[in-house]
N, C-alpha and C. Protein backbone atom coordinates (compact mmCIF):
# COMPACT_ATOMS: atom_id res chain seq x y z
N MET A 1 -21.06 10.81 -28.93
CA MET A 1 -19.63 10.94 -28.68
C MET A 1 -18.93 9.76 -29.32
N ALA A 2 -17.89 10.05 -30.01
CA ALA A 2 -17.15 9.01 -30.72
C ALA A 2 -16.40 8.10 -29.74
N ILE A 3 -16.44 6.84 -30.04
CA ILE A 3 -15.76 5.86 -29.19
C ILE A 3 -14.26 6.13 -29.18
N GLY A 4 -13.72 6.57 -30.30
CA GLY A 4 -12.29 6.88 -30.38
C GLY A 4 -11.88 7.97 -29.41
N ASP A 5 -12.74 8.99 -29.24
CA ASP A 5 -12.43 10.05 -28.29
C ASP A 5 -12.42 9.51 -26.87
N LYS A 6 -13.40 8.67 -26.56
CA LYS A 6 -13.46 8.09 -25.22
C LYS A 6 -12.23 7.23 -24.94
N ALA A 7 -11.82 6.47 -25.92
CA ALA A 7 -10.63 5.62 -25.75
C ALA A 7 -9.38 6.48 -25.58
N LYS A 8 -9.31 7.56 -26.33
CA LYS A 8 -8.16 8.46 -26.22
C LYS A 8 -8.09 9.08 -24.83
N HIS A 9 -9.24 9.49 -24.31
CA HIS A 9 -9.26 10.09 -22.98
C HIS A 9 -8.91 9.07 -21.91
N ALA A 10 -9.35 7.85 -22.07
CA ALA A 10 -9.01 6.79 -21.12
C ALA A 10 -7.51 6.50 -21.17
N ALA A 11 -6.94 6.52 -22.36
CA ALA A 11 -5.50 6.28 -22.51
C ALA A 11 -4.70 7.41 -21.86
N GLU A 12 -5.19 8.64 -21.97
CA GLU A 12 -4.52 9.78 -21.33
C GLU A 12 -4.53 9.60 -19.81
N ASP A 13 -5.65 9.09 -19.29
CA ASP A 13 -5.76 8.85 -17.85
C ASP A 13 -4.75 7.80 -17.41
N VAL A 14 -4.67 6.71 -18.16
CA VAL A 14 -3.73 5.63 -17.82
C VAL A 14 -2.29 6.13 -17.89
N THR A 15 -1.99 6.94 -18.90
CA THR A 15 -0.64 7.50 -19.03
C THR A 15 -0.32 8.38 -17.83
N GLY A 16 -1.30 9.18 -17.42
CA GLY A 16 -1.10 10.04 -16.26
C GLY A 16 -0.85 9.23 -15.00
N LYS A 17 -1.59 8.15 -14.83
CA LYS A 17 -1.39 7.30 -13.65
C LYS A 17 0.00 6.66 -13.67
N ALA A 18 0.45 6.27 -14.85
CA ALA A 18 1.78 5.67 -14.97
C ALA A 18 2.87 6.70 -14.64
N LYS A 19 2.70 7.91 -15.17
CA LYS A 19 3.67 8.97 -14.87
C LYS A 19 3.72 9.26 -13.37
N GLU A 20 2.53 9.35 -12.77
CA GLU A 20 2.48 9.62 -11.33
C GLU A 20 3.18 8.52 -10.54
N ALA A 21 2.90 7.28 -10.88
CA ALA A 21 3.50 6.15 -10.17
C ALA A 21 5.01 6.13 -10.36
N PHE A 22 5.46 6.37 -11.58
CA PHE A 22 6.90 6.38 -11.84
C PHE A 22 7.57 7.54 -11.11
N GLY A 23 6.89 8.68 -11.08
CA GLY A 23 7.43 9.82 -10.35
C GLY A 23 7.56 9.53 -8.87
N LYS A 24 6.56 8.86 -8.29
CA LYS A 24 6.63 8.49 -6.87
C LYS A 24 7.77 7.52 -6.63
N ALA A 25 7.90 6.53 -7.51
CA ALA A 25 8.92 5.49 -7.33
C ALA A 25 10.33 6.04 -7.44
N THR A 26 10.50 7.09 -8.23
CA THR A 26 11.84 7.65 -8.45
C THR A 26 12.06 8.97 -7.71
N ASP A 27 11.12 9.34 -6.84
CA ASP A 27 11.18 10.62 -6.12
C ASP A 27 11.31 11.81 -7.07
N ASN A 28 10.64 11.72 -8.20
CA ASN A 28 10.65 12.79 -9.19
C ASN A 28 9.32 13.54 -9.05
N GLU A 29 9.35 14.63 -8.26
CA GLU A 29 8.13 15.36 -7.97
C GLU A 29 7.53 16.00 -9.22
N ARG A 30 8.37 16.43 -10.15
CA ARG A 30 7.87 17.05 -11.38
C ARG A 30 7.07 16.05 -12.20
N LEU A 31 7.61 14.85 -12.35
CA LEU A 31 6.92 13.81 -13.12
C LEU A 31 5.63 13.38 -12.42
N GLU A 32 5.68 13.28 -11.11
CA GLU A 32 4.49 12.92 -10.35
C GLU A 32 3.39 13.98 -10.54
N ALA A 33 3.77 15.25 -10.46
CA ALA A 33 2.80 16.33 -10.65
C ALA A 33 2.26 16.35 -12.08
N GLU A 34 3.13 16.08 -13.04
CA GLU A 34 2.71 16.03 -14.44
C GLU A 34 1.69 14.92 -14.64
N GLY A 35 1.90 13.79 -14.01
CA GLY A 35 0.97 12.68 -14.10
C GLY A 35 -0.39 13.03 -13.51
N LYS A 36 -0.37 13.71 -12.37
CA LYS A 36 -1.63 14.14 -11.76
C LYS A 36 -2.36 15.13 -12.65
N ALA A 37 -1.62 16.04 -13.27
CA ALA A 37 -2.22 17.02 -14.17
C ALA A 37 -2.82 16.32 -15.40
N ASP A 38 -2.11 15.34 -15.94
CA ASP A 38 -2.63 14.58 -17.08
C ASP A 38 -3.95 13.88 -16.72
N GLN A 39 -4.00 13.33 -15.52
CA GLN A 39 -5.22 12.66 -15.07
C GLN A 39 -6.36 13.65 -14.93
N ALA A 40 -6.07 14.82 -14.39
CA ALA A 40 -7.11 15.84 -14.22
C ALA A 40 -7.66 16.28 -15.57
N LYS A 41 -6.78 16.45 -16.56
CA LYS A 41 -7.23 16.84 -17.90
C LYS A 41 -8.10 15.74 -18.50
N ALA A 42 -7.67 14.50 -18.33
CA ALA A 42 -8.44 13.38 -18.87
C ALA A 42 -9.81 13.29 -18.19
N ASP A 43 -9.84 13.52 -16.88
CA ASP A 43 -11.12 13.48 -16.16
C ASP A 43 -12.06 14.57 -16.66
N ALA A 44 -11.51 15.76 -16.91
CA ALA A 44 -12.34 16.85 -17.43
C ALA A 44 -12.89 16.51 -18.81
N LYS A 45 -12.06 15.92 -19.64
CA LYS A 45 -12.51 15.53 -20.98
C LYS A 45 -13.58 14.45 -20.90
N LYS A 46 -13.41 13.49 -19.96
CA LYS A 46 -14.41 12.44 -19.80
C LYS A 46 -15.73 13.02 -19.31
N ALA A 47 -15.66 14.01 -18.42
CA ALA A 47 -16.88 14.66 -17.94
C ALA A 47 -17.58 15.37 -19.09
N GLY A 48 -16.81 16.01 -19.95
CA GLY A 48 -17.39 16.65 -21.14
C GLY A 48 -18.04 15.63 -22.05
N ASP A 49 -17.41 14.49 -22.20
CA ASP A 49 -18.00 13.41 -23.00
C ASP A 49 -19.35 12.99 -22.44
N ASN A 50 -19.42 12.87 -21.12
CA ASN A 50 -20.66 12.44 -20.47
C ASN A 50 -21.78 13.47 -20.68
N VAL A 51 -21.43 14.75 -20.62
CA VAL A 51 -22.41 15.80 -20.83
C VAL A 51 -22.92 15.74 -22.29
N LYS A 52 -21.99 15.59 -23.21
CA LYS A 52 -22.38 15.50 -24.62
C LYS A 52 -23.28 14.29 -24.85
N ASP A 53 -22.93 13.17 -24.24
CA ASP A 53 -23.74 11.96 -24.38
C ASP A 53 -25.15 12.17 -23.83
N ALA A 54 -25.25 12.88 -22.70
CA ALA A 54 -26.56 13.11 -22.09
C ALA A 54 -27.44 13.93 -23.02
N PHE A 55 -26.87 14.92 -23.69
CA PHE A 55 -27.65 15.74 -24.60
C PHE A 55 -27.96 15.02 -25.89
N ASP A 56 -27.07 14.15 -26.33
CA ASP A 56 -27.30 13.39 -27.56
C ASP A 56 -28.44 12.39 -27.40
N HIS A 57 -28.65 11.90 -26.21
CA HIS A 57 -29.67 10.88 -25.98
C HIS A 57 -31.04 11.47 -25.68
N ASN A 58 -31.14 12.78 -25.60
CA ASN A 58 -32.44 13.41 -25.31
C ASN A 58 -33.10 13.90 -26.55
């Protein structure tokens, strides 16, 4: 798995956390939900990375 992909997925997670926090701070439920969704997508991509890594090392 390319390091660039892993970094991109980590950045997506951080962006999602920032959106969620900003949404909470401003009572913007849409932005908060969008941040949570971004984090979920990033987590799924990271899980896929881990699966690919496991098969690459065998």
